[in-house]
Amino acid sequence: MLSVYNDEYFMKLALAEARKAELAGEIPIGAVLVHHHKILAKTHNQTELLHDVTAHAEMLAITSGSEFLGSKYLKNCSLYITLEPCVMCAGALRWAQISRVVYAAEDDKMGFMRYGKTLLHPKTQVEYGLCSEEASELLTRFFRNKRIHKT
């Protein structure tokens, strides 16, 4: 029997979080943290709301997940993110020893892979590309609208 709780299911939830961010005027990035098919956190960027440059979706998910598990480590957890994590978030994910990172769209300008997978914990698995078109479209539309309303 196939489980409905697969990578695509969790990435779709992350995309829903990204749309919440967009509606709130935040850069539309969403994240879902999962431990053994159980959702520990659903988050999105909140840098504007919290006036905090570190309030990225990934950072908020790490905090929520660690609190839920009562551990600073996120072993046996997967993080689904709509955009490739930045270097700051990759460093935090390394310290959290997350088991798996799955991201949708690549970030050629600010993504951690510019520096290589070594920014993550050596045991962390990385997968990318799932729902990348939808995630990229959200970001493209957000920044296009931002440029239009700026002039």
N, C-alpha and C. Protein backbone atom coordinates (compact mmCIF):
# COMPACT_ATOMS: atom_id res chain seq x y z
N MET A 1 0.83 -1.19 0.00
CA MET A 1 0.00 0.00 0.00
C MET A 1 0.88 1.25 0.00
N LEU A 2 0.58 2.17 -0.90
CA LEU A 2 1.34 3.41 -0.99
C LEU A 2 0.89 4.40 0.06
N SER A 3 1.84 5.06 0.67
CA SER A 3 1.53 6.10 1.64
C SER A 3 1.35 7.43 0.92
N VAL A 4 0.37 8.20 1.34
CA VAL A 4 0.19 9.54 0.77
C VAL A 4 1.25 10.49 1.30
N TYR A 5 1.92 10.08 2.35
CA TYR A 5 2.93 10.92 2.96
C TYR A 5 4.28 10.65 2.30
N ASN A 6 4.48 11.27 1.14
CA ASN A 6 5.73 11.11 0.43
C ASN A 6 6.37 12.49 0.24
N ASP A 7 7.50 12.51 -0.45
CA ASP A 7 8.21 13.77 -0.64
C ASP A 7 7.35 14.83 -1.32
N GLU A 8 6.58 14.43 -2.32
CA GLU A 8 5.75 15.41 -3.03
C GLU A 8 4.68 15.99 -2.10
N TYR A 9 4.09 15.16 -1.26
CA TYR A 9 3.07 15.62 -0.31
C TYR A 9 3.66 16.70 0.61
N PHE A 10 4.83 16.44 1.18
CA PHE A 10 5.44 17.39 2.11
C PHE A 10 5.92 18.65 1.39
N MET A 11 6.41 18.50 0.14
CA MET A 11 6.83 19.70 -0.60
C MET A 11 5.62 20.56 -0.95
N LYS A 12 4.49 19.96 -1.25
CA LYS A 12 3.27 20.73 -1.52
C LYS A 12 2.87 21.53 -0.28
N LEU A 13 3.05 20.95 0.90
CA LEU A 13 2.77 21.69 2.14
C LEU A 13 3.75 22.86 2.29
N ALA A 14 5.00 22.65 1.92
CA ALA A 14 5.99 23.74 1.97
C ALA A 14 5.60 24.85 0.99
N LEU A 15 5.10 24.47 -0.18
CA LEU A 15 4.64 25.47 -1.15
C LEU A 15 3.45 26.25 -0.61
N ALA A 16 2.57 25.59 0.11
CA ALA A 16 1.43 26.30 0.73
C ALA A 16 1.95 27.31 1.75
N GLU A 17 3.00 26.95 2.49
CA GLU A 17 3.61 27.89 3.43
C GLU A 17 4.24 29.07 2.69
N ALA A 18 4.86 28.80 1.54
CA ALA A 18 5.46 29.87 0.75
C ALA A 18 4.38 30.85 0.28
N ARG A 19 3.21 30.33 -0.08
CA ARG A 19 2.11 31.21 -0.51
C ARG A 19 1.63 32.07 0.67
N LYS A 20 1.64 31.52 1.88
CA LYS A 20 1.29 32.32 3.07
C LYS A 20 2.28 33.46 3.25
N ALA A 21 3.55 33.16 3.04
CA ALA A 21 4.58 34.20 3.14
C ALA A 21 4.32 35.30 2.12
N GLU A 22 4.03 34.91 0.90
CA GLU A 22 3.76 35.88 -0.15
C GLU A 22 2.60 36.80 0.22
N LEU A 23 1.53 36.22 0.73
CA LEU A 23 0.36 37.01 1.13
C LEU A 23 0.70 37.99 2.26
N ALA A 24 1.68 37.64 3.07
CA ALA A 24 2.09 38.49 4.18
C ALA A 24 3.16 39.51 3.76
N GLY A 25 3.53 39.51 2.48
CA GLY A 25 4.55 40.44 2.01
C GLY A 25 5.97 39.97 2.26
N GLU A 26 6.11 38.71 2.61
CA GLU A 26 7.43 38.11 2.84
C GLU A 26 7.91 37.43 1.56
N ILE A 27 9.21 37.25 1.43
CA ILE A 27 9.72 36.46 0.31
C ILE A 27 9.11 35.07 0.42
N PRO A 28 8.49 34.57 -0.65
CA PRO A 28 7.72 33.32 -0.57
C PRO A 28 8.57 32.05 -0.51
N ILE A 29 9.03 31.77 0.68
CA ILE A 29 9.78 30.54 0.94
C ILE A 29 9.10 29.83 2.10
N GLY A 30 8.84 28.55 1.91
CA GLY A 30 8.19 27.75 2.95
C GLY A 30 9.02 26.53 3.27
N ALA A 31 8.79 26.00 4.47
CA ALA A 31 9.52 24.81 4.90
C ALA A 31 8.61 23.93 5.76
N VAL A 32 8.83 22.64 5.65
CA VAL A 32 8.12 21.67 6.48
C VAL A 32 9.16 20.70 7.02
N LEU A 33 9.15 20.53 8.34
CA LEU A 33 10.07 19.62 9.01
C LEU A 33 9.31 18.36 9.40
N VAL A 34 9.84 17.21 9.03
CA VAL A 34 9.16 15.93 9.22
C VAL A 34 10.08 14.95 9.96
N HIS A 35 9.50 14.22 10.90
CA HIS A 35 10.21 13.18 11.65
C HIS A 35 9.36 11.91 11.57
N HIS A 36 9.87 10.90 10.88
CA HIS A 36 9.13 9.64 10.69
C HIS A 36 7.70 9.88 10.21
N HIS A 37 7.54 10.65 9.15
CA HIS A 37 6.25 10.97 8.53
C HIS A 37 5.33 11.80 9.42
N LYS A 38 5.84 12.34 10.50
CA LYS A 38 5.06 13.22 11.36
C LYS A 38 5.58 14.65 11.20
N ILE A 39 4.68 15.56 10.94
CA ILE A 39 5.07 16.96 10.75
C ILE A 39 5.35 17.60 12.10
N LEU A 40 6.58 18.11 12.24
CA LEU A 40 6.98 18.80 13.46
C LEU A 40 6.79 20.31 13.34
N ALA A 41 6.95 20.81 12.12
CA ALA A 41 6.85 22.27 11.91
C ALA A 41 6.48 22.57 10.47
N LYS A 42 5.61 23.56 10.31
CA LYS A 42 5.30 24.15 9.00
C LYS A 42 5.57 25.64 9.17
N THR A 43 6.51 26.16 8.41
CA THR A 43 6.93 27.55 8.60
C THR A 43 7.14 28.24 7.25
N HIS A 44 7.25 29.55 7.33
CA HIS A 44 7.61 30.34 6.15
C HIS A 44 8.43 31.54 6.62
N ASN A 45 9.05 32.20 5.67
CA ASN A 45 9.86 33.37 6.01
C ASN A 45 9.04 34.38 6.82
N GLN A 46 9.66 34.94 7.84
CA GLN A 46 9.01 35.96 8.67
C GLN A 46 9.97 37.09 9.02
N THR A 47 10.88 37.38 8.12
CA THR A 47 11.88 38.41 8.40
C THR A 47 11.26 39.79 8.55
N GLU A 48 10.24 40.09 7.76
CA GLU A 48 9.58 41.40 7.85
C GLU A 48 8.75 41.49 9.12
N LEU A 49 7.95 40.48 9.38
CA LEU A 49 7.08 40.45 10.55
C LEU A 49 7.88 40.57 11.85
N LEU A 50 8.95 39.81 11.95
CA LEU A 50 9.73 39.77 13.19
C LEU A 50 10.88 40.78 13.21
N HIS A 51 11.08 41.51 12.10
CA HIS A 51 12.21 42.45 11.99
C HIS A 51 13.51 41.74 12.35
N ASP A 52 13.68 40.57 11.75
CA ASP A 52 14.81 39.70 12.10
C ASP A 52 15.33 39.05 10.82
N VAL A 53 16.54 39.40 10.41
CA VAL A 53 17.10 38.85 9.18
C VAL A 53 17.35 37.35 9.27
N THR A 54 17.36 36.80 10.47
CA THR A 54 17.57 35.35 10.62
C THR A 54 16.26 34.55 10.62
N ALA A 55 15.13 35.21 10.48
CA ALA A 55 13.83 34.51 10.56
C ALA A 55 13.46 33.86 9.23
N HIS A 56 14.40 33.10 8.70
CA HIS A 56 14.15 32.34 7.48
C HIS A 56 13.30 31.12 7.85
N ALA A 57 12.58 30.60 6.88
CA ALA A 57 11.70 29.44 7.10
C ALA A 57 12.46 28.28 7.73
N GLU A 58 13.68 28.04 7.26
CA GLU A 58 14.48 26.92 7.78
C GLU A 58 14.84 27.13 9.25
N MET A 59 15.23 28.34 9.59
CA MET A 59 15.64 28.63 10.97
C MET A 59 14.46 28.45 11.92
N LEU A 60 13.29 28.92 11.49
CA LEU A 60 12.09 28.78 12.32
C LEU A 60 11.71 27.31 12.47
N ALA A 61 11.89 26.53 11.41
CA ALA A 61 11.60 25.10 11.47
C ALA A 61 12.56 24.38 12.42
N ILE A 62 13.83 24.75 12.37
CA ILE A 62 14.82 24.14 13.26
C ILE A 62 14.44 24.40 14.72
N THR A 63 14.11 25.64 15.02
CA THR A 63 13.74 26.00 16.39
C THR A 63 12.50 25.23 16.85
N SER A 64 11.48 25.20 16.01
CA SER A 64 10.24 24.50 16.37
C SER A 64 10.48 23.01 16.54
N GLY A 65 11.22 22.42 15.62
CA GLY A 65 11.48 20.99 15.69
C GLY A 65 12.31 20.60 16.89
N SER A 66 13.32 21.39 17.19
CA SER A 66 14.16 21.11 18.35
C SER A 66 13.36 21.20 19.64
N GLU A 67 12.49 22.20 19.71
CA GLU A 67 11.64 22.36 20.89
C GLU A 67 10.70 21.17 21.02
N PHE A 68 10.09 20.75 19.90
CA PHE A 68 9.15 19.64 19.92
C PHE A 68 9.85 18.34 20.36
N LEU A 69 11.04 18.08 19.81
CA LEU A 69 11.77 16.85 20.13
C LEU A 69 12.50 16.93 21.46
N GLY A 70 12.68 18.13 21.99
CA GLY A 70 13.45 18.28 23.22
C GLY A 70 14.92 17.96 23.00
N SER A 71 15.41 18.31 21.81
CA SER A 71 16.79 17.99 21.44
C SER A 71 17.31 19.05 20.48
N LYS A 72 18.58 19.35 20.59
CA LYS A 72 19.17 20.29 19.63
C LYS A 72 19.46 19.61 18.29
N TYR A 73 19.39 18.29 18.27
CA TYR A 73 19.66 17.54 17.04
C TYR A 73 18.37 17.11 16.36
N LEU A 74 18.40 17.15 15.04
CA LEU A 74 17.24 16.77 14.24
C LEU A 74 17.55 15.50 13.43
N LYS A 75 18.09 14.53 14.14
CA LYS A 75 18.39 13.25 13.50
C LYS A 75 17.08 12.57 13.13
N ASN A 76 17.09 11.84 12.04
CA ASN A 76 15.90 11.16 11.51
C ASN A 76 14.82 12.16 11.08
N CYS A 77 15.22 13.38 10.77
CA CYS A 77 14.28 14.40 10.29
C CYS A 77 14.62 14.79 8.86
N SER A 78 13.58 15.14 8.11
CA SER A 78 13.73 15.67 6.76
C SER A 78 13.15 17.07 6.74
N LEU A 79 13.84 17.98 6.07
CA LEU A 79 13.35 19.34 5.91
C LEU A 79 13.06 19.58 4.44
N TYR A 80 11.82 19.93 4.14
CA TYR A 80 11.38 20.24 2.78
C TYR A 80 11.30 21.76 2.67
N ILE A 81 12.04 22.30 1.69
CA ILE A 81 12.14 23.75 1.56
C ILE A 81 11.90 24.12 0.09
N THR A 82 11.20 25.21 -0.12
CA THR A 82 10.88 25.60 -1.50
C THR A 82 12.05 26.23 -2.24
N LEU A 83 13.07 26.68 -1.52
CA LEU A 83 14.25 27.26 -2.15
C LEU A 83 15.50 26.73 -1.45
N GLU A 84 16.53 26.51 -2.21
CA GLU A 84 17.81 26.06 -1.67
C GLU A 84 18.21 26.95 -0.49
N PRO A 85 18.58 26.35 0.64
CA PRO A 85 18.96 27.15 1.81
C PRO A 85 20.19 28.03 1.54
N CYS A 86 20.22 29.16 2.24
CA CYS A 86 21.39 30.04 2.18
C CYS A 86 22.49 29.45 3.06
N VAL A 87 23.63 30.08 3.06
CA VAL A 87 24.77 29.61 3.84
C VAL A 87 24.46 29.62 5.34
N MET A 88 23.77 30.66 5.82
CA MET A 88 23.41 30.74 7.24
C MET A 88 22.55 29.53 7.64
N CYS A 89 21.53 29.26 6.84
CA CYS A 89 20.63 28.15 7.15
C CYS A 89 21.34 26.81 7.03
N ALA A 90 22.20 26.68 6.03
CA ALA A 90 22.96 25.43 5.88
C ALA A 90 23.84 25.19 7.11
N GLY A 91 24.45 26.25 7.63
CA GLY A 91 25.27 26.12 8.83
C GLY A 91 24.44 25.66 10.02
N ALA A 92 23.26 26.24 10.17
CA ALA A 92 22.37 25.84 11.27
C ALA A 92 21.92 24.39 11.09
N LEU A 93 21.63 24.00 9.85
CA LEU A 93 21.23 22.62 9.59
C LEU A 93 22.37 21.65 9.88
N ARG A 94 23.60 22.10 9.64
CA ARG A 94 24.77 21.27 9.97
C ARG A 94 24.83 21.03 11.48
N TRP A 95 24.71 22.12 12.25
CA TRP A 95 24.78 21.99 13.71
C TRP A 95 23.64 21.15 14.26
N ALA A 96 22.48 21.21 13.59
CA ALA A 96 21.32 20.42 14.02
C ALA A 96 21.43 18.96 13.60
N GLN A 97 22.44 18.66 12.79
CA GLN A 97 22.67 17.31 12.28
C GLN A 97 21.43 16.70 11.62
N ILE A 98 20.75 17.52 10.83
CA ILE A 98 19.55 17.03 10.14
C ILE A 98 19.93 15.90 9.19
N SER A 99 19.05 14.93 9.08
CA SER A 99 19.34 13.76 8.27
C SER A 99 19.17 14.01 6.77
N ARG A 100 18.19 14.85 6.42
CA ARG A 100 17.87 14.99 5.00
C ARG A 100 17.31 16.38 4.71
N VAL A 101 17.77 16.95 3.61
CA VAL A 101 17.29 18.24 3.13
C VAL A 101 16.78 18.02 1.71
N VAL A 102 15.53 18.43 1.47
CA VAL A 102 14.93 18.34 0.14
C VAL A 102 14.48 19.75 -0.24
N TYR A 103 15.06 20.31 -1.30
CA TYR A 103 14.63 21.65 -1.70
C TYR A 103 14.15 21.63 -3.14
N ALA A 104 13.26 22.58 -3.44
CA ALA A 104 12.63 22.64 -4.76
C ALA A 104 13.53 23.39 -5.75
N ALA A 105 13.56 24.70 -5.64
CA ALA A 105 14.29 25.53 -6.60
C ALA A 105 15.72 25.79 -6.14
N GLU A 106 16.61 25.85 -7.11
CA GLU A 106 18.00 26.20 -6.80
C GLU A 106 18.12 27.71 -6.66
N ASP A 107 19.09 28.16 -5.87
CA ASP A 107 19.36 29.58 -5.69
C ASP A 107 20.81 29.83 -6.09
N ASP A 108 21.00 30.20 -7.36
CA ASP A 108 22.35 30.39 -7.90
C ASP A 108 23.11 31.53 -7.24
N LYS A 109 22.39 32.53 -6.70
CA LYS A 109 23.04 33.70 -6.11
C LYS A 109 23.42 33.49 -4.65
N MET A 110 22.47 32.97 -3.84
CA MET A 110 22.69 32.91 -2.40
C MET A 110 22.66 31.50 -1.81
N GLY A 111 22.47 30.49 -2.64
CA GLY A 111 22.35 29.12 -2.14
C GLY A 111 23.67 28.56 -1.64
N PHE A 112 23.56 27.66 -0.67
CA PHE A 112 24.75 27.08 -0.05
C PHE A 112 25.56 26.22 -1.00
N MET A 113 24.94 25.66 -2.03
CA MET A 113 25.67 24.76 -2.93
C MET A 113 26.74 25.48 -3.75
N ARG A 114 26.72 26.80 -3.75
CA ARG A 114 27.83 27.55 -4.37
C ARG A 114 29.14 27.18 -3.68
N TYR A 115 29.03 26.80 -2.42
CA TYR A 115 30.21 26.47 -1.63
C TYR A 115 30.36 24.97 -1.42
N GLY A 116 29.34 24.22 -1.81
CA GLY A 116 29.40 22.76 -1.73
C GLY A 116 28.64 22.18 -0.56
N LYS A 117 28.35 20.91 -0.69
CA LYS A 117 27.58 20.18 0.31
C LYS A 117 28.30 20.07 1.65
N THR A 118 29.58 20.36 1.68
CA THR A 118 30.34 20.25 2.91
C THR A 118 29.88 21.23 3.99
N LEU A 119 29.05 22.21 3.61
CA LEU A 119 28.50 23.12 4.63
C LEU A 119 27.51 22.38 5.53
N LEU A 120 26.93 21.29 5.02
CA LEU A 120 26.00 20.49 5.82
C LEU A 120 26.77 19.41 6.58
N HIS A 121 26.09 18.76 7.51
CA HIS A 121 26.67 17.64 8.24
C HIS A 121 27.04 16.54 7.24
N PRO A 122 28.14 15.84 7.45
CA PRO A 122 28.57 14.81 6.50
C PRO A 122 27.52 13.72 6.23
N LYS A 123 26.65 13.45 7.19
CA LYS A 123 25.64 12.40 7.01
C LYS A 123 24.34 12.91 6.40
N THR A 124 24.22 14.21 6.20
CA THR A 124 22.99 14.78 5.64
C THR A 124 22.86 14.44 4.16
N GLN A 125 21.71 13.89 3.80
CA GLN A 125 21.40 13.62 2.40
C GLN A 125 20.72 14.86 1.81
N VAL A 126 21.03 15.15 0.55
CA VAL A 126 20.45 16.31 -0.12
C VAL A 126 19.78 15.85 -1.41
N GLU A 127 18.56 16.33 -1.60
CA GLU A 127 17.83 16.09 -2.84
C GLU A 127 17.21 17.42 -3.27
N TYR A 128 17.09 17.61 -4.58
CA TYR A 128 16.52 18.87 -5.04
C TYR A 128 15.80 18.69 -6.37
N GLY A 129 14.99 19.69 -6.69
CA GLY A 129 14.30 19.71 -7.97
C GLY A 129 12.82 19.37 -7.90
N LEU A 130 12.37 18.80 -6.80
CA LEU A 130 10.97 18.42 -6.66
C LEU A 130 10.10 19.69 -6.59
N CYS A 131 9.16 19.84 -7.49
CA CYS A 131 8.25 21.00 -7.57
C CYS A 131 9.01 22.31 -7.83
N SER A 132 10.15 22.22 -8.49
CA SER A 132 10.98 23.41 -8.69
C SER A 132 10.31 24.47 -9.55
N GLU A 133 9.53 24.06 -10.55
CA GLU A 133 8.87 25.05 -11.40
C GLU A 133 7.88 25.89 -10.62
N GLU A 134 7.08 25.24 -9.79
CA GLU A 134 6.09 25.96 -8.99
C GLU A 134 6.77 26.90 -7.99
N ALA A 135 7.83 26.44 -7.35
CA ALA A 135 8.55 27.27 -6.39
C ALA A 135 9.21 28.46 -7.09
N SER A 136 9.80 28.21 -8.24
CA SER A 136 10.45 29.29 -8.99
C SER A 136 9.44 30.33 -9.45
N GLU A 137 8.27 29.87 -9.89
CA GLU A 137 7.22 30.79 -10.34
C GLU A 137 6.77 31.69 -9.20
N LEU A 138 6.61 31.14 -8.01
CA LEU A 138 6.23 31.96 -6.85
C LEU A 138 7.23 33.08 -6.62
N LEU A 139 8.50 32.73 -6.64
CA LEU A 139 9.56 33.72 -6.40
C LEU A 139 9.63 34.75 -7.52
N THR A 140 9.55 34.28 -8.76
CA THR A 140 9.60 35.20 -9.91
C THR A 140 8.45 36.19 -9.85
N ARG A 141 7.26 35.71 -9.58
CA ARG A 141 6.08 36.59 -9.51
C ARG A 141 6.22 37.60 -8.37
N PHE A 142 6.70 37.12 -7.22
CA PHE A 142 6.87 38.01 -6.06
C PHE A 142 7.81 39.17 -6.39
N PHE A 143 8.97 38.85 -6.95
CA PHE A 143 9.95 39.91 -7.22
C PHE A 143 9.53 40.77 -8.40
N ARG A 144 8.83 40.22 -9.37
CA ARG A 144 8.29 41.02 -10.48
C ARG A 144 7.29 42.05 -9.92
N ASN A 145 6.39 41.59 -9.07
CA ASN A 145 5.40 42.50 -8.47
C ASN A 145 6.07 43.55 -7.60
N LYS A 146 7.10 43.16 -6.91
CA LYS A 146 7.83 44.10 -6.04
C LYS A 146 8.47 45.20 -6.88
N ARG A 147 9.05 44.83 -8.04
CA ARG A 147 9.67 45.82 -8.93
C ARG A 147 8.61 46.75 -9.53
N ILE A 148 7.47 46.20 -9.91
CA ILE A 148 6.40 47.00 -10.50
C ILE A 148 5.88 48.04 -9.50
N HIS A 149 5.69 47.63 -8.26
CA HIS A 149 5.14 48.53 -7.24
C HIS A 149 6.18 49.49 -6.67
N LYS A 150 7.44 49.25 -6.98
CA LYS A 150 8.51 50.12 -6.50
C LYS A 150 8.60 51.40 -7.33
N THR A 151 8.24 51.30 -8.61
CA THR A 151 8.37 52.47 -9.50
C THR A 151 7.18 53.39 -9.44
